[in-house]
Amino acid sequence: MNAAANIVNVVKTSYTVTVMGILGVFAFVSAVLIAWPALAYLASKL
């Protein structure tokens, strides 16, 4: 029973890390795409 519980914990952990990684990449890409026009505008004013 302990081995099965360990396997379930590993699966839950890997699933959580995978989902958080995907969401992190999505957040990073979204932040860059949102900020890029503003940064380009400010850079053109300098």
PDB file of N, CA and C in Angstrom:
ATOM      1  N   MET A   1       0.832  -1.201   0.000  1.00  0.00           N
ATOM      2  CA  MET A   1       0.000   0.000   0.000  1.00  0.00           C
ATOM      3  C   MET A   1       0.869   1.254   0.000  1.00  0.00           C
ATOM      4  N   ASN A   2       1.996   1.181   0.685  1.00  0.00           N
ATOM      5  CA  ASN A   2       2.884   2.336   0.752  1.00  0.00           C
ATOM      6  C   ASN A   2       3.481   2.651  -0.620  1.00  0.00           C
ATOM      7  N   ALA A   3       3.809   1.620  -1.392  1.00  0.00           N
ATOM      8  CA  ALA A   3       4.370   1.829  -2.722  1.00  0.00           C
ATOM      9  C   ALA A   3       3.341   2.493  -3.633  1.00  0.00           C
ATOM     10  N   ALA A   4       2.091   2.073  -3.527  1.00  0.00           N
ATOM     11  CA  ALA A   4       1.038   2.676  -4.340  1.00  0.00           C
ATOM     12  C   ALA A   4       0.828   4.137  -3.959  1.00  0.00           C
ATOM     13  N   ALA A   5       0.895   4.442  -2.685  1.00  0.00           N
ATOM     14  CA  ALA A   5       0.735   5.824  -2.236  1.00  0.00           C
ATOM     15  C   ALA A   5       1.887   6.682  -2.734  1.00  0.00           C
ATOM     16  N   ASN A   6       3.093   6.118  -2.744  1.00  0.00           N
ATOM     17  CA  ASN A   6       4.247   6.851  -3.258  1.00  0.00           C
ATOM     18  C   ASN A   6       4.102   7.142  -4.742  1.00  0.00           C
ATOM     19  N   ILE A   7       3.604   6.181  -5.496  1.00  0.00           N
ATOM     20  CA  ILE A   7       3.402   6.379  -6.935  1.00  0.00           C
ATOM     21  C   ILE A   7       2.367   7.469  -7.175  1.00  0.00           C
ATOM     22  N   VAL A   8       1.286   7.454  -6.403  1.00  0.00           N
ATOM     23  CA  VAL A   8       0.254   8.477  -6.543  1.00  0.00           C
ATOM     24  C   VAL A   8       0.821   9.843  -6.216  1.00  0.00           C
ATOM     25  N   ASN A   9       1.649   9.937  -5.181  1.00  0.00           N
ATOM     26  CA  ASN A   9       2.251  11.214  -4.815  1.00  0.00           C
ATOM     27  C   ASN A   9       3.186  11.723  -5.902  1.00  0.00           C
ATOM     28  N   VAL A  10       3.941  10.826  -6.513  1.00  0.00           N
ATOM     29  CA  VAL A  10       4.846  11.223  -7.596  1.00  0.00           C
ATOM     30  C   VAL A  10       4.044  11.726  -8.792  1.00  0.00           C
ATOM     31  N   VAL A  11       2.966  11.046  -9.111  1.00  0.00           N
ATOM     32  CA  VAL A  11       2.131  11.464 -10.238  1.00  0.00           C
ATOM     33  C   VAL A  11       1.506  12.821  -9.955  1.00  0.00           C
ATOM     34  N   LYS A  12       0.996  13.025  -8.750  1.00  0.00           N
ATOM     35  CA  LYS A  12       0.403  14.315  -8.393  1.00  0.00           C
ATOM     36  C   LYS A  12       1.442  15.433  -8.463  1.00  0.00           C
ATOM     37  N   THR A  13       2.625  15.144  -7.967  1.00  0.00           N
ATOM     38  CA  THR A  13       3.680  16.161  -7.963  1.00  0.00           C
ATOM     39  C   THR A  13       4.096  16.514  -9.385  1.00  0.00           C
ATOM     40  N   SER A  14       4.292  15.509 -10.213  1.00  0.00           N
ATOM     41  CA  SER A  14       4.715  15.784 -11.586  1.00  0.00           C
ATOM     42  C   SER A  14       3.613  16.505 -12.360  1.00  0.00           C
ATOM     43  N   TYR A  15       2.368  16.149 -12.109  1.00  0.00           N
ATOM     44  CA  TYR A  15       1.257  16.841 -12.757  1.00  0.00           C
ATOM     45  C   TYR A  15       1.210  18.298 -12.328  1.00  0.00           C
ATOM     46  N   THR A  16       1.374  18.560 -11.044  1.00  0.00           N
ATOM     47  CA  THR A  16       1.350  19.927 -10.534  1.00  0.00           C
ATOM     48  C   THR A  16       2.491  20.747 -11.115  1.00  0.00           C
ATOM     49  N   VAL A  17       3.684  20.171 -11.154  1.00  0.00           N
ATOM     50  CA  VAL A  17       4.840  20.881 -11.705  1.00  0.00           C
ATOM     51  C   VAL A  17       4.629  21.160 -13.189  1.00  0.00           C
ATOM     52  N   THR A  18       4.073  20.212 -13.916  1.00  0.00           N
ATOM     53  CA  THR A  18       3.826  20.399 -15.342  1.00  0.00           C
ATOM     54  C   THR A  18       2.817  21.514 -15.583  1.00  0.00           C
ATOM     55  N   VAL A  19       1.720  21.495 -14.846  1.00  0.00           N
ATOM     56  CA  VAL A  19       0.694  22.521 -15.019  1.00  0.00           C
ATOM     57  C   VAL A  19       1.245  23.892 -14.645  1.00  0.00           C
ATOM     58  N   MET A  20       1.976  23.979 -13.550  1.00  0.00           N
ATOM     59  CA  MET A  20       2.538  25.264 -13.149  1.00  0.00           C
ATOM     60  C   MET A  20       3.578  25.752 -14.155  1.00  0.00           C
ATOM     61  N   GLY A  21       4.330  24.852 -14.735  1.00  0.00           N
ATOM     62  CA  GLY A  21       5.295  25.232 -15.760  1.00  0.00           C
ATOM     63  C   GLY A  21       4.616  25.778 -17.001  1.00  0.00           C
ATOM     64  N   ILE A  22       3.555  25.112 -17.439  1.00  0.00           N
ATOM     65  CA  ILE A  22       2.816  25.579 -18.615  1.00  0.00           C
ATOM     66  C   ILE A  22       2.191  26.939 -18.341  1.00  0.00           C
ATOM     67  N   LEU A  23       1.596  27.095 -17.162  1.00  0.00           N
ATOM     68  CA  LEU A  23       1.003  28.388 -16.814  1.00  0.00           C
ATOM     69  C   LEU A  23       2.071  29.476 -16.696  1.00  0.00           C
ATOM     70  N   GLY A  24       3.242  29.128 -16.205  1.00  0.00           N
ATOM     71  CA  GLY A  24       4.330  30.091 -16.108  1.00  0.00           C
ATOM     72  C   GLY A  24       4.802  30.557 -17.479  1.00  0.00           C
ATOM     73  N   VAL A  25       4.937  29.619 -18.407  1.00  0.00           N
ATOM     74  CA  VAL A  25       5.326  29.987 -19.772  1.00  0.00           C
ATOM     75  C   VAL A  25       4.255  30.866 -20.405  1.00  0.00           C
ATOM     76  N   PHE A  26       2.993  30.508 -20.210  1.00  0.00           N
ATOM     77  CA  PHE A  26       1.899  31.310 -20.746  1.00  0.00           C
ATOM     78  C   PHE A  26       1.915  32.712 -20.154  1.00  0.00           C
ATOM     79  N   ALA A  27       2.145  32.836 -18.857  1.00  0.00           N
ATOM     80  CA  ALA A  27       2.195  34.144 -18.207  1.00  0.00           C
ATOM     81  C   ALA A  27       3.363  34.971 -18.732  1.00  0.00           C
ATOM     82  N   PHE A  28       4.518  34.338 -18.919  1.00  0.00           N
ATOM     83  CA  PHE A  28       5.688  35.058 -19.432  1.00  0.00           C
ATOM     84  C   PHE A  28       5.446  35.567 -20.849  1.00  0.00           C
ATOM     85  N   VAL A  29       4.911  34.711 -21.708  1.00  0.00           N
ATOM     86  CA  VAL A  29       4.634  35.111 -23.088  1.00  0.00           C
ATOM     87  C   VAL A  29       3.584  36.213 -23.114  1.00  0.00           C
ATOM     88  N   SER A  30       2.562  36.100 -22.302  1.00  0.00           N
ATOM     89  CA  SER A  30       1.527  37.128 -22.252  1.00  0.00           C
ATOM     90  C   SER A  30       2.101  38.463 -21.777  1.00  0.00           C
ATOM     91  N   ALA A  31       2.943  38.419 -20.770  1.00  0.00           N
ATOM     92  CA  ALA A  31       3.536  39.657 -20.259  1.00  0.00           C
ATOM     93  C   ALA A  31       4.410  40.316 -21.317  1.00  0.00           C
ATOM     94  N   VAL A  32       5.179  39.534 -22.039  1.00  0.00           N
ATOM     95  CA  VAL A  32       6.030  40.101 -23.087  1.00  0.00           C
ATOM     96  C   VAL A  32       5.170  40.692 -24.195  1.00  0.00           C
ATOM     97  N   LEU A  33       4.147  39.988 -24.608  1.00  0.00           N
ATOM     98  CA  LEU A  33       3.304  40.484 -25.698  1.00  0.00           C
ATOM     99  C   LEU A  33       2.524  41.725 -25.292  1.00  0.00           C
ATOM    100  N   ILE A  34       2.143  41.815 -24.027  1.00  0.00           N
ATOM    101  CA  ILE A  34       1.409  42.985 -23.561  1.00  0.00           C
ATOM    102  C   ILE A  34       2.348  44.175 -23.401  1.00  0.00           C
ATOM    103  N   ALA A  35       3.542  43.942 -22.881  1.00  0.00           N
ATOM    104  CA  ALA A  35       4.459  45.043 -22.592  1.00  0.00           C
ATOM    105  C   ALA A  35       5.242  45.498 -23.816  1.00  0.00           C
ATOM    106  N   TRP A  36       5.377  44.675 -24.830  1.00  0.00           N
ATOM    107  CA  TRP A  36       6.231  45.017 -25.961  1.00  0.00           C
ATOM    108  C   TRP A  36       5.823  46.314 -26.657  1.00  0.00           C
ATOM    109  N   PRO A  37       4.545  46.544 -26.990  1.00  0.00           N
ATOM    110  CA  PRO A  37       4.193  47.809 -27.651  1.00  0.00           C
ATOM    111  C   PRO A  37       4.492  49.032 -26.786  1.00  0.00           C
ATOM    112  N   ALA A  38       4.260  48.927 -25.501  1.00  0.00           N
ATOM    113  CA  ALA A  38       4.543  50.056 -24.615  1.00  0.00           C
ATOM    114  C   ALA A  38       6.039  50.320 -24.546  1.00  0.00           C
ATOM    115  N   LEU A  39       6.833  49.279 -24.451  1.00  0.00           N
ATOM    116  CA  LEU A  39       8.288  49.450 -24.409  1.00  0.00           C
ATOM    117  C   LEU A  39       8.808  50.010 -25.728  1.00  0.00           C
ATOM    118  N   ALA A  40       8.270  49.551 -26.830  1.00  0.00           N
ATOM    119  CA  ALA A  40       8.692  50.072 -28.130  1.00  0.00           C
ATOM    120  C   ALA A  40       8.310  51.543 -28.265  1.00  0.00           C
ATOM    121  N   TYR A  41       7.141  51.911 -27.781  1.00  0.00           N
ATOM    122  CA  TYR A  41       6.702  53.310 -27.833  1.00  0.00           C
ATOM    123  C   TYR A  41       7.612  54.195 -26.981  1.00  0.00           C
ATOM    124  N   LEU A  42       7.913  53.738 -25.763  1.00  0.00           N
ATOM    125  CA  LEU A  42       8.789  54.528 -24.897  1.00  0.00           C
ATOM    126  C   LEU A  42      10.190  54.635 -25.494  1.00  0.00           C
ATOM    127  N   ALA A  43      10.677  53.566 -26.090  1.00  0.00           N
ATOM    128  CA  ALA A  43      12.008  53.596 -26.684  1.00  0.00           C
ATOM    129  C   ALA A  43      12.049  54.544 -27.881  1.00  0.00           C
ATOM    130  N   SER A  44      10.943  54.622 -28.623  1.00  0.00           N
ATOM    131  CA  SER A  44      10.937  55.525 -29.776  1.00  0.00           C
ATOM    132  C   SER A  44      10.909  56.995 -29.357  1.00  0.00           C
ATOM    133  N   LYS A  45      10.427  57.270 -28.161  1.00  0.00           N
ATOM    134  CA  LYS A  45      10.371  58.644 -27.659  1.00  0.00           C
ATOM    135  C   LYS A  45      11.715  59.110 -27.120  1.00  0.00           C
ATOM    136  N   LEU A  46      12.635  58.203 -26.848  1.00  0.00           N
ATOM    137  CA  LEU A  46      13.941  58.589 -26.313  1.00  0.00           C
ATOM    138  C   LEU A  46      14.884  59.047 -27.398  1.00  0.00           C
TER     139      LEU A  46
END
